[in-house]
Amino acid sequence: MNRIFKEAEQSNAILFFDEADALFGKRSEVRDSHDRYANIEISYLLQKMEENEGIVIMATNL
């Protein structure tokens, strides 16, 4: 994920995330290790988006 954001910034690319509703649904209550890692990955993605100085577009079917 870090590489994708870094390359997008270096090349002035626009990042496009389709089906963003699947990525950013409700963060689940941690019941097992899968939930914990899913929440960590979402948090990391949100952090990278906040740090990104380029354009990020997200699409959803909702």
PDB file of N, CA and C in Angstrom:
ATOM      1  N   MET A   1       0.830  -1.180   0.000  1.00  0.00           N
ATOM      2  CA  MET A   1       0.000   0.000   0.000  1.00  0.00           C
ATOM      3  C   MET A   1       0.881   1.252   0.000  1.00  0.00           C
ATOM      4  N   ASN A   2       1.935   1.215   0.804  1.00  0.00           N
ATOM      5  CA  ASN A   2       2.836   2.360   0.864  1.00  0.00           C
ATOM      6  C   ASN A   2       3.433   2.647  -0.509  1.00  0.00           C
ATOM      7  N   ARG A   3       3.822   1.590  -1.212  1.00  0.00           N
ATOM      8  CA  ARG A   3       4.423   1.751  -2.543  1.00  0.00           C
ATOM      9  C   ARG A   3       3.439   2.389  -3.515  1.00  0.00           C
ATOM     10  N   ILE A   4       2.182   1.999  -3.446  1.00  0.00           N
ATOM     11  CA  ILE A   4       1.167   2.555  -4.346  1.00  0.00           C
ATOM     12  C   ILE A   4       1.020   4.053  -4.127  1.00  0.00           C
ATOM     13  N   PHE A   5       0.908   4.463  -2.878  1.00  0.00           N
ATOM     14  CA  PHE A   5       0.763   5.885  -2.588  1.00  0.00           C
ATOM     15  C   PHE A   5       2.021   6.661  -2.957  1.00  0.00           C
ATOM     16  N   LYS A   6       3.189   6.089  -2.693  1.00  0.00           N
ATOM     17  CA  LYS A   6       4.453   6.756  -3.012  1.00  0.00           C
ATOM     18  C   LYS A   6       4.595   6.948  -4.520  1.00  0.00           C
ATOM     19  N   GLU A   7       4.306   5.904  -5.292  1.00  0.00           N
ATOM     20  CA  GLU A   7       4.405   6.002  -6.749  1.00  0.00           C
ATOM     21  C   GLU A   7       3.382   6.982  -7.311  1.00  0.00           C
ATOM     22  N   ALA A   8       2.194   7.013  -6.747  1.00  0.00           N
ATOM     23  CA  ALA A   8       1.166   7.951  -7.203  1.00  0.00           C
ATOM     24  C   ALA A   8       1.610   9.390  -6.958  1.00  0.00           C
ATOM     25  N   GLU A   9       2.209   9.661  -5.814  1.00  0.00           N
ATOM     26  CA  GLU A   9       2.685  11.013  -5.523  1.00  0.00           C
ATOM     27  C   GLU A   9       3.823  11.403  -6.450  1.00  0.00           C
ATOM     28  N   GLN A  10       4.753  10.497  -6.689  1.00  0.00           N
ATOM     29  CA  GLN A  10       5.911  10.798  -7.527  1.00  0.00           C
ATOM     30  C   GLN A  10       5.524  11.042  -8.977  1.00  0.00           C
ATOM     31  N   SER A  11       4.475  10.397  -9.441  1.00  0.00           N
ATOM     32  CA  SER A  11       4.081  10.537 -10.846  1.00  0.00           C
ATOM     33  C   SER A  11       2.852  11.419 -11.031  1.00  0.00           C
ATOM     34  N   ASN A  12       2.387  12.044  -9.942  1.00  0.00           N
ATOM     35  CA  ASN A  12       1.180  12.886  -9.988  1.00  0.00           C
ATOM     36  C   ASN A  12      -0.031  12.126 -10.516  1.00  0.00           C
ATOM     37  N   ALA A  13      -0.116  10.859 -10.170  1.00  0.00           N
ATOM     38  CA  ALA A  13      -1.243  10.031 -10.609  1.00  0.00           C
ATOM     39  C   ALA A  13      -2.448  10.250  -9.698  1.00  0.00           C
ATOM     40  N   ILE A  14      -3.603   9.960 -10.228  1.00  0.00           N
ATOM     41  CA  ILE A  14      -4.839   9.994  -9.450  1.00  0.00           C
ATOM     42  C   ILE A  14      -5.125   8.566  -8.995  1.00  0.00           C
ATOM     43  N   LEU A  15      -5.373   8.402  -7.708  1.00  0.00           N
ATOM     44  CA  LEU A  15      -5.725   7.081  -7.184  1.00  0.00           C
ATOM     45  C   LEU A  15      -7.236   6.914  -7.235  1.00  0.00           C
ATOM     46  N   PHE A  16      -7.680   5.775  -7.727  1.00  0.00           N
ATOM     47  CA  PHE A  16      -9.107   5.487  -7.833  1.00  0.00           C
ATOM     48  C   PHE A  16      -9.401   4.180  -7.119  1.00  0.00           C
ATOM     49  N   PHE A  17     -10.287   4.244  -6.135  1.00  0.00           N
ATOM     50  CA  PHE A  17     -10.723   3.058  -5.402  1.00  0.00           C
ATOM     51  C   PHE A  17     -12.181   2.806  -5.747  1.00  0.00           C
ATOM     52  N   ASP A  18     -12.451   1.700  -6.420  1.00  0.00           N
ATOM     53  CA  ASP A  18     -13.822   1.324  -6.748  1.00  0.00           C
ATOM     54  C   ASP A  18     -14.379   0.472  -5.611  1.00  0.00           C
ATOM     55  N   GLU A  19     -15.688   0.466  -5.471  1.00  0.00           N
ATOM     56  CA  GLU A  19     -16.351  -0.305  -4.412  1.00  0.00           C
ATOM     57  C   GLU A  19     -15.842   0.106  -3.029  1.00  0.00           C
ATOM     58  N   ALA A  20     -15.694   1.402  -2.817  1.00  0.00           N
ATOM     59  CA  ALA A  20     -15.159   1.914  -1.552  1.00  0.00           C
ATOM     60  C   ALA A  20     -16.032   1.542  -0.361  1.00  0.00           C
ATOM     61  N   ASP A  21     -17.311   1.322  -0.600  1.00  0.00           N
ATOM     62  CA  ASP A  21     -18.188   0.920   0.504  1.00  0.00           C
ATOM     63  C   ASP A  21     -17.734  -0.413   1.101  1.00  0.00           C
ATOM     64  N   ALA A  22     -17.137  -1.269   0.280  1.00  0.00           N
ATOM     65  CA  ALA A  22     -16.620  -2.539   0.799  1.00  0.00           C
ATOM     66  C   ALA A  22     -15.383  -2.309   1.663  1.00  0.00           C
ATOM     67  N   LEU A  23     -14.588  -1.310   1.294  1.00  0.00           N
ATOM     68  CA  LEU A  23     -13.398  -0.997   2.076  1.00  0.00           C
ATOM     69  C   LEU A  23     -13.730  -0.292   3.379  1.00  0.00           C
ATOM     70  N   PHE A  24     -14.709   0.600   3.313  1.00  0.00           N
ATOM     71  CA  PHE A  24     -14.970   1.475   4.451  1.00  0.00           C
ATOM     72  C   PHE A  24     -16.320   1.236   5.093  1.00  0.00           C
ATOM     73  N   GLY A  25     -16.698  -0.022   5.187  1.00  0.00           N
ATOM     74  CA  GLY A  25     -17.894  -0.342   5.950  1.00  0.00           C
ATOM     75  C   GLY A  25     -17.606  -0.086   7.420  1.00  0.00           C
ATOM     76  N   LYS A  26     -18.539  -0.411   8.254  1.00  0.00           N
ATOM     77  CA  LYS A  26     -18.313  -0.231   9.688  1.00  0.00           C
ATOM     78  C   LYS A  26     -17.104  -1.041  10.124  1.00  0.00           C
ATOM     79  N   ARG A  27     -16.269  -0.409  10.915  1.00  0.00           N
ATOM     80  CA  ARG A  27     -15.168  -1.167  11.503  1.00  0.00           C
ATOM     81  C   ARG A  27     -15.776  -2.106  12.522  1.00  0.00           C
ATOM     82  N   SER A  28     -15.351  -3.319  12.458  1.00  0.00           N
ATOM     83  CA  SER A  28     -15.985  -4.328  13.303  1.00  0.00           C
ATOM     84  C   SER A  28     -15.387  -4.350  14.698  1.00  0.00           C
ATOM     85  N   GLU A  29     -16.206  -4.833  15.585  1.00  0.00           N
ATOM     86  CA  GLU A  29     -15.721  -5.082  16.934  1.00  0.00           C
ATOM     87  C   GLU A  29     -14.773  -6.270  16.843  1.00  0.00           C
ATOM     88  N   VAL A  30     -13.665  -6.179  17.520  1.00  0.00           N
ATOM     89  CA  VAL A  30     -12.656  -7.232  17.423  1.00  0.00           C
ATOM     90  C   VAL A  30     -13.125  -8.471  18.168  1.00  0.00           C
ATOM     91  N   ARG A  31     -13.364  -9.528  17.384  1.00  0.00           N
ATOM     92  CA  ARG A  31     -13.778 -10.809  17.962  1.00  0.00           C
ATOM     93  C   ARG A  31     -12.710 -11.875  17.766  1.00  0.00           C
ATOM     94  N   ASP A  32     -11.909 -11.697  16.713  1.00  0.00           N
ATOM     95  CA  ASP A  32     -10.818 -12.636  16.465  1.00  0.00           C
ATOM     96  C   ASP A  32      -9.688 -11.902  15.755  1.00  0.00           C
ATOM     97  N   SER A  33      -8.628 -12.619  15.422  1.00  0.00           N
ATOM     98  CA  SER A  33      -7.460 -11.980  14.815  1.00  0.00           C
ATOM     99  C   SER A  33      -7.779 -11.392  13.442  1.00  0.00           C
ATOM    100  N   HIS A  34      -8.705 -12.000  12.705  1.00  0.00           N
ATOM    101  CA  HIS A  34      -9.079 -11.464  11.394  1.00  0.00           C
ATOM    102  C   HIS A  34      -9.666 -10.065  11.537  1.00  0.00           C
ATOM    103  N   ASP A  35     -10.573  -9.874  12.489  1.00  0.00           N
ATOM    104  CA  ASP A  35     -11.173  -8.558  12.716  1.00  0.00           C
ATOM    105  C   ASP A  35     -10.112  -7.534  13.097  1.00  0.00           C
ATOM    106  N   ARG A  36      -9.196  -7.950  13.929  1.00  0.00           N
ATOM    107  CA  ARG A  36      -8.145  -7.039  14.384  1.00  0.00           C
ATOM    108  C   ARG A  36      -7.312  -6.565  13.202  1.00  0.00           C
ATOM    109  N   TYR A  37      -6.884  -7.490  12.347  1.00  0.00           N
ATOM    110  CA  TYR A  37      -6.052  -7.116  11.208  1.00  0.00           C
ATOM    111  C   TYR A  37      -6.840  -6.331  10.168  1.00  0.00           C
ATOM    112  N   ALA A  38      -8.101  -6.616   9.994  1.00  0.00           N
ATOM    113  CA  ALA A  38      -8.927  -5.844   9.061  1.00  0.00           C
ATOM    114  C   ALA A  38      -9.018  -4.401   9.529  1.00  0.00           C
ATOM    115  N   ASN A  39      -9.221  -4.183  10.813  1.00  0.00           N
ATOM    116  CA  ASN A  39      -9.284  -2.828  11.349  1.00  0.00           C
ATOM    117  C   ASN A  39      -7.949  -2.107  11.207  1.00  0.00           C
ATOM    118  N   ILE A  40      -6.856  -2.810  11.413  1.00  0.00           N
ATOM    119  CA  ILE A  40      -5.525  -2.214  11.262  1.00  0.00           C
ATOM    120  C   ILE A  40      -5.304  -1.785   9.818  1.00  0.00           C
ATOM    121  N   GLU A  41      -5.699  -2.622   8.859  1.00  0.00           N
ATOM    122  CA  GLU A  41      -5.510  -2.295   7.445  1.00  0.00           C
ATOM    123  C   GLU A  41      -6.343  -1.083   7.039  1.00  0.00           C
ATOM    124  N   ILE A  42      -7.564  -1.001   7.510  1.00  0.00           N
ATOM    125  CA  ILE A  42      -8.410   0.152   7.204  1.00  0.00           C
ATOM    126  C   ILE A  42      -7.807   1.410   7.807  1.00  0.00           C
ATOM    127  N   SER A  43      -7.341   1.328   9.025  1.00  0.00           N
ATOM    128  CA  SER A  43      -6.718   2.480   9.680  1.00  0.00           C
ATOM    129  C   SER A  43      -5.481   2.934   8.916  1.00  0.00           C
ATOM    130  N   TYR A  44      -4.689   1.984   8.439  1.00  0.00           N
ATOM    131  CA  TYR A  44      -3.488   2.319   7.676  1.00  0.00           C
ATOM    132  C   TYR A  44      -3.856   3.014   6.370  1.00  0.00           C
ATOM    133  N   LEU A  45      -4.857   2.506   5.679  1.00  0.00           N
ATOM    134  CA  LEU A  45      -5.299   3.126   4.436  1.00  0.00           C
ATOM    135  C   LEU A  45      -5.787   4.549   4.683  1.00  0.00           C
ATOM    136  N   LEU A  46      -6.555   4.762   5.727  1.00  0.00           N
ATOM    137  CA  LEU A  46      -7.030   6.105   6.060  1.00  0.00           C
ATOM    138  C   LEU A  46      -5.866   7.038   6.369  1.00  0.00           C
ATOM    139  N   GLN A  47      -4.865   6.536   7.052  1.00  0.00           N
ATOM    140  CA  GLN A  47      -3.686   7.341   7.363  1.00  0.00           C
ATOM    141  C   GLN A  47      -2.951   7.732   6.084  1.00  0.00           C
ATOM    142  N   LYS A  48      -2.750   6.783   5.176  1.00  0.00           N
ATOM    143  CA  LYS A  48      -2.057   7.074   3.919  1.00  0.00           C
ATOM    144  C   LYS A  48      -2.843   8.080   3.082  1.00  0.00           C
ATOM    145  N   MET A  49      -4.171   7.980   3.099  1.00  0.00           N
ATOM    146  CA  MET A  49      -4.992   8.933   2.351  1.00  0.00           C
ATOM    147  C   MET A  49      -4.854  10.335   2.940  1.00  0.00           C
ATOM    148  N   GLU A  50      -4.801  10.428   4.254  1.00  0.00           N
ATOM    149  CA  GLU A  50      -4.666  11.729   4.905  1.00  0.00           C
ATOM    150  C   GLU A  50      -3.313  12.367   4.593  1.00  0.00           C
ATOM    151  N   GLU A  51      -2.263  11.570   4.538  1.00  0.00           N
ATOM    152  CA  GLU A  51      -0.922  12.068   4.250  1.00  0.00           C
ATOM    153  C   GLU A  51      -0.737  12.403   2.775  1.00  0.00           C
ATOM    154  N   ASN A  52      -1.523  11.797   1.911  1.00  0.00           N
ATOM    155  CA  ASN A  52      -1.388  11.958   0.470  1.00  0.00           C
ATOM    156  C   ASN A  52      -1.720  13.387   0.053  1.00  0.00           C
ATOM    157  N   GLU A  53      -0.843  13.976  -0.766  1.00  0.00           N
ATOM    158  CA  GLU A  53      -1.086  15.324  -1.261  1.00  0.00           C
ATOM    159  C   GLU A  53      -1.731  15.315  -2.641  1.00  0.00           C
ATOM    160  N   GLY A  54      -1.907  14.148  -3.209  1.00  0.00           N
ATOM    161  CA  GLY A  54      -2.514  14.027  -4.526  1.00  0.00           C
ATOM    162  C   GLY A  54      -4.021  13.856  -4.436  1.00  0.00           C
ATOM    163  N   ILE A  55      -4.589  13.429  -5.537  1.00  0.00           N
ATOM    164  CA  ILE A  55      -6.036  13.253  -5.639  1.00  0.00           C
ATOM    165  C   ILE A  55      -6.387  11.781  -5.458  1.00  0.00           C
ATOM    166  N   VAL A  56      -7.386  11.544  -4.613  1.00  0.00           N
ATOM    167  CA  VAL A  56      -7.906  10.195  -4.404  1.00  0.00           C
ATOM    168  C   VAL A  56      -9.402  10.238  -4.679  1.00  0.00           C
ATOM    169  N   ILE A  57      -9.869   9.379  -5.566  1.00  0.00           N
ATOM    170  CA  ILE A  57     -11.289   9.292  -5.902  1.00  0.00           C
ATOM    171  C   ILE A  57     -11.791   7.932  -5.444  1.00  0.00           C
ATOM    172  N   MET A  58     -12.953   7.953  -4.820  1.00  0.00           N
ATOM    173  CA  MET A  58     -13.565   6.705  -4.362  1.00  0.00           C
ATOM    174  C   MET A  58     -14.967   6.608  -4.934  1.00  0.00           C
ATOM    175  N   ALA A  59     -15.311   5.424  -5.403  1.00  0.00           N
ATOM    176  CA  ALA A  59     -16.637   5.203  -5.980  1.00  0.00           C
ATOM    177  C   ALA A  59     -17.370   4.140  -5.174  1.00  0.00           C
ATOM    178  N   THR A  60     -18.679   4.265  -5.168  1.00  0.00           N
ATOM    179  CA  THR A  60     -19.511   3.302  -4.462  1.00  0.00           C
ATOM    180  C   THR A  60     -20.813   3.115  -5.228  1.00  0.00           C
ATOM    181  N   ASN A  61     -21.480   2.017  -5.000  1.00  0.00           N
ATOM    182  CA  ASN A  61     -22.765   1.764  -5.643  1.00  0.00           C
ATOM    183  C   ASN A  61     -23.929   2.167  -4.760  1.00  0.00           C
ATOM    184  N   LEU A  62     -23.650   2.682  -3.579  1.00  0.00           N
ATOM    185  CA  LEU A  62     -24.722   3.059  -2.662  1.00  0.00           C
ATOM    186  C   LEU A  62     -25.380   4.353  -3.077  1.00  0.00           C
TER     187      LEU A  62
END
